Amino acid sequence: MDSINTDFWLGKFKSKEIFKNFMQENENYYESEDANSKISLSKFIESQGHKWVDHDFLESSFLDQEILVKSIDSIINNCEWIKETEEKAEVKDIKEYNVYVSANEGLFPNPISVYKEDFELIYLGTYVQ
């Protein structure tokens, strides 16, 4: 079985609505689906320098931090990842978070952190399975 490496972000959003607005697919994208369109499939995808990627290779969630840690644990099912996430969060001074985003490695060739007035989404790096 081939391993799938995963790019991973942790973030703190002021509300679930702001998170949803950032991650959800833009319905207008499909109406103007041509090479010259300036519309991106989602604000998250646009923040990573793209117009479109297959959402099937993205996962995200907005939850209370304690529940989110358990959710991440069940998704990645790897104790080393949990330890690595905690270490990276500490190094990047992430004390509170209510969001995670994961994407198959390579979906975004140069993944970046996103800082806005209503949220921070911090790229932690690639996790190897």
C-alpha atoms as a PDB file:
ATOM      1  CA  MET A   1       0.000   0.000   0.000  1.00  0.00           C
ATOM      2  CA  ASP A   2       1.373   3.407  -0.966  1.00  0.00           C
ATOM      3  CA  SER A   3       1.717   5.969   1.783  1.00  0.00           C
ATOM      4  CA  ILE A   4      -0.001   9.328   1.517  1.00  0.00           C
ATOM      5  CA  ASN A   5       1.784  12.279   3.033  1.00  0.00           C
ATOM      6  CA  THR A   6      -0.391  15.054   4.385  1.00  0.00           C
ATOM      7  CA  ASP A   7       0.023  18.836   4.592  1.00  0.00           C
ATOM      8  CA  PHE A   8      -1.450  20.134   7.835  1.00  0.00           C
ATOM      9  CA  TRP A   9      -2.717  23.474   9.174  1.00  0.00           C
ATOM     10  CA  LEU A  10      -4.012  24.515  12.612  1.00  0.00           C
ATOM     11  CA  GLY A  11      -6.009  27.674  13.081  1.00  0.00           C
ATOM     12  CA  LYS A  12      -8.105  29.889  15.273  1.00  0.00           C
ATOM     13  CA  PHE A  13     -11.266  31.329  13.690  1.00  0.00           C
ATOM     14  CA  LYS A  14     -13.536  33.825  15.471  1.00  0.00           C
ATOM     15  CA  SER A  15     -16.640  31.874  14.418  1.00  0.00           C
ATOM     16  CA  LYS A  16     -17.824  28.775  12.619  1.00  0.00           C
ATOM     17  CA  GLU A  17     -19.496  31.004  10.015  1.00  0.00           C
ATOM     18  CA  ILE A  18     -16.160  32.671   9.136  1.00  0.00           C
ATOM     19  CA  PHE A  19     -14.549  29.236   8.856  1.00  0.00           C
ATOM     20  CA  LYS A  20     -17.373  27.924   6.674  1.00  0.00           C
ATOM     21  CA  ASN A  21     -17.165  30.986   4.423  1.00  0.00           C
ATOM     22  CA  PHE A  22     -13.407  30.439   3.991  1.00  0.00           C
ATOM     23  CA  MET A  23     -13.597  26.719   3.226  1.00  0.00           C
ATOM     24  CA  GLN A  24     -16.864  26.206   1.348  1.00  0.00           C
ATOM     25  CA  GLU A  25     -17.107  25.836  -2.394  1.00  0.00           C
ATOM     26  CA  ASN A  26     -18.099  28.998  -4.248  1.00  0.00           C
ATOM     27  CA  GLU A  27     -21.236  28.182  -6.252  1.00  0.00           C
ATOM     28  CA  ASN A  28     -20.324  30.877  -8.796  1.00  0.00           C
ATOM     29  CA  TYR A  29     -17.168  28.950  -9.699  1.00  0.00           C
ATOM     30  CA  TYR A  30     -19.114  26.401 -11.722  1.00  0.00           C
ATOM     31  CA  GLU A  31     -21.018  29.081 -13.623  1.00  0.00           C
ATOM     32  CA  SER A  32     -17.829  30.630 -15.029  1.00  0.00           C
ATOM     33  CA  GLU A  33     -15.583  27.596 -15.292  1.00  0.00           C
ATOM     34  CA  ASP A  34     -13.118  28.788 -17.933  1.00  0.00           C
ATOM     35  CA  ALA A  35      -9.372  29.312 -18.057  1.00  0.00           C
ATOM     36  CA  ASN A  36      -9.668  33.102 -17.765  1.00  0.00           C
ATOM     37  CA  SER A  37     -12.037  33.118 -14.792  1.00  0.00           C
ATOM     38  CA  LYS A  38     -10.819  34.986 -11.733  1.00  0.00           C
ATOM     39  CA  ILE A  39     -13.160  33.042  -9.435  1.00  0.00           C
ATOM     40  CA  SER A  40     -11.652  30.357  -7.194  1.00  0.00           C
ATOM     41  CA  LEU A  41     -13.462  27.281  -5.952  1.00  0.00           C
ATOM     42  CA  SER A  42     -12.948  28.441  -2.333  1.00  0.00           C
ATOM     43  CA  LYS A  43     -11.168  31.181  -0.425  1.00  0.00           C
ATOM     44  CA  PHE A  44      -8.884  28.573   1.146  1.00  0.00           C
ATOM     45  CA  ILE A  45      -7.847  27.256  -2.270  1.00  0.00           C
ATOM     46  CA  GLU A  46      -7.284  30.821  -3.456  1.00  0.00           C
ATOM     47  CA  SER A  47      -5.157  31.540  -0.365  1.00  0.00           C
ATOM     48  CA  GLN A  48      -2.882  28.695  -1.465  1.00  0.00           C
ATOM     49  CA  GLY A  49      -2.422  30.218  -4.925  1.00  0.00           C
ATOM     50  CA  HIS A  50      -4.896  28.096  -6.893  1.00  0.00           C
ATOM     51  CA  LYS A  51      -8.284  28.417  -8.569  1.00  0.00           C
ATOM     52  CA  TRP A  52      -9.313  24.775  -8.204  1.00  0.00           C
ATOM     53  CA  VAL A  53      -8.327  21.549  -6.462  1.00  0.00           C
ATOM     54  CA  ASP A  54     -10.379  18.443  -5.826  1.00  0.00           C
ATOM     55  CA  HIS A  55     -12.041  18.908  -2.424  1.00  0.00           C
ATOM     56  CA  ASP A  56     -12.025  15.122  -2.027  1.00  0.00           C
ATOM     57  CA  PHE A  57      -8.354  15.455  -1.055  1.00  0.00           C
ATOM     58  CA  LEU A  58      -9.023  18.072   1.648  1.00  0.00           C
ATOM     59  CA  GLU A  59     -10.319  17.595   5.173  1.00  0.00           C
ATOM     60  CA  SER A  60     -11.177  20.285   7.676  1.00  0.00           C
ATOM     61  CA  SER A  61     -13.098  20.789  10.867  1.00  0.00           C
ATOM     62  CA  PHE A  62     -14.165  23.514  13.285  1.00  0.00           C
ATOM     63  CA  LEU A  63     -14.471  22.194  16.846  1.00  0.00           C
ATOM     64  CA  ASP A  64     -13.711  23.034  20.453  1.00  0.00           C
ATOM     65  CA  GLN A  65      -9.942  22.571  20.968  1.00  0.00           C
ATOM     66  CA  GLU A  66     -10.226  19.533  23.254  1.00  0.00           C
ATOM     67  CA  ILE A  67     -12.634  17.769  20.880  1.00  0.00           C
ATOM     68  CA  LEU A  68     -10.522  18.835  17.889  1.00  0.00           C
ATOM     69  CA  VAL A  69      -7.432  17.123  19.356  1.00  0.00           C
ATOM     70  CA  LYS A  70      -9.426  13.883  19.682  1.00  0.00           C
ATOM     71  CA  SER A  71     -10.739  14.333  16.134  1.00  0.00           C
ATOM     72  CA  ILE A  72      -7.230  14.853  14.758  1.00  0.00           C
ATOM     73  CA  ASP A  73      -6.062  11.791  16.664  1.00  0.00           C
ATOM     74  CA  SER A  74      -8.768   9.638  15.077  1.00  0.00           C
ATOM     75  CA  ILE A  75      -8.075  11.022  11.594  1.00  0.00           C
ATOM     76  CA  ILE A  76      -4.333  10.659  11.553  1.00  0.00           C
ATOM     77  CA  ASN A  77      -4.305   7.599  13.806  1.00  0.00           C
ATOM     78  CA  ASN A  78      -0.631   8.091  14.508  1.00  0.00           C
ATOM     79  CA  CYS A  79       0.787   8.952  17.939  1.00  0.00           C
ATOM     80  CA  GLU A  80       3.907  10.437  16.379  1.00  0.00           C
ATOM     81  CA  TRP A  81       1.786  12.925  14.429  1.00  0.00           C
ATOM     82  CA  ILE A  82       0.014  14.044  17.610  1.00  0.00           C
ATOM     83  CA  LYS A  83       3.347  14.542  19.344  1.00  0.00           C
ATOM     84  CA  GLU A  84       4.759  16.329  16.285  1.00  0.00           C
ATOM     85  CA  THR A  85       1.658  18.553  16.046  1.00  0.00           C
ATOM     86  CA  GLU A  86       1.965  19.555  19.695  1.00  0.00           C
ATOM     87  CA  GLU A  87       5.673  20.318  19.242  1.00  0.00           C
ATOM     88  CA  LYS A  88       5.123  22.363  16.073  1.00  0.00           C
ATOM     89  CA  ALA A  89       2.223  24.243  17.665  1.00  0.00           C
ATOM     90  CA  GLU A  90       4.445  25.117  20.610  1.00  0.00           C
ATOM     91  CA  VAL A  91       7.306  26.285  18.361  1.00  0.00           C
ATOM     92  CA  LYS A  92       4.893  28.442  16.329  1.00  0.00           C
ATOM     93  CA  ASP A  93       3.355  29.743  19.591  1.00  0.00           C
ATOM     94  CA  ILE A  94      -0.113  28.379  18.784  1.00  0.00           C
ATOM     95  CA  LYS A  95      -1.827  28.271  22.156  1.00  0.00           C
ATOM     96  CA  GLU A  96      -5.438  28.101  21.025  1.00  0.00           C
ATOM     97  CA  TYR A  97      -6.963  26.555  17.941  1.00  0.00           C
ATOM     98  CA  ASN A  98     -10.403  25.432  16.831  1.00  0.00           C
ATOM     99  CA  VAL A  99      -9.677  24.418  13.222  1.00  0.00           C
ATOM    100  CA  TYR A 100      -7.583  21.926  11.371  1.00  0.00           C
ATOM    101  CA  VAL A 101      -7.140  21.534   7.632  1.00  0.00           C
ATOM    102  CA  SER A 102      -5.329  18.660   5.954  1.00  0.00           C
ATOM    103  CA  ALA A 103      -4.586  18.081   2.293  1.00  0.00           C
ATOM    104  CA  ASN A 104      -2.779  15.383   0.393  1.00  0.00           C
ATOM    105  CA  GLU A 105       0.820  16.454  -0.099  1.00  0.00           C
ATOM    106  CA  GLY A 106       1.350  17.968  -3.519  1.00  0.00           C
ATOM    107  CA  LEU A 107      -2.185  19.315  -3.819  1.00  0.00           C
ATOM    108  CA  PHE A 108      -0.621  22.708  -3.051  1.00  0.00           C
ATOM    109  CA  PRO A 109       3.039  22.816  -4.169  1.00  0.00           C
ATOM    110  CA  ASN A 110       3.855  25.698  -1.782  1.00  0.00           C
ATOM    111  CA  PRO A 111       1.436  25.547   1.167  1.00  0.00           C
ATOM    112  CA  ILE A 112       1.387  28.689   3.314  1.00  0.00           C
ATOM    113  CA  SER A 113      -0.099  30.116   6.488  1.00  0.00           C
ATOM    114  CA  VAL A 114      -2.965  32.591   6.189  1.00  0.00           C
ATOM    115  CA  TYR A 115      -3.386  35.559   8.536  1.00  0.00           C
ATOM    116  CA  LYS A 116      -6.573  37.640   8.399  1.00  0.00           C
ATOM    117  CA  GLU A 117      -8.395  39.939  10.792  1.00  0.00           C
ATOM    118  CA  ASP A 118     -10.882  37.230  11.817  1.00  0.00           C
ATOM    119  CA  PHE A 119      -8.587  34.202  11.813  1.00  0.00           C
ATOM    120  CA  GLU A 120      -5.141  32.650  11.590  1.00  0.00           C
ATOM    121  CA  LEU A 121      -4.504  29.394   9.750  1.00  0.00           C
ATOM    122  CA  ILE A 122      -0.942  28.268  10.349  1.00  0.00           C
ATOM    123  CA  TYR A 123       0.781  25.742   8.128  1.00  0.00           C
ATOM    124  CA  LEU A 124       2.623  23.182  10.250  1.00  0.00           C
ATOM    125  CA  GLY A 125       4.245  21.159   7.500  1.00  0.00           C
ATOM    126  CA  THR A 126       3.988  17.734   5.909  1.00  0.00           C
ATOM    127  CA  TYR A 127       3.283  14.630   7.899  1.00  0.00           C
ATOM    128  CA  VAL A 128       4.688  11.363   6.597  1.00  0.00           C
ATOM    129  CA  GLN A 129       2.663   8.181   6.980  1.00  0.00           C
END
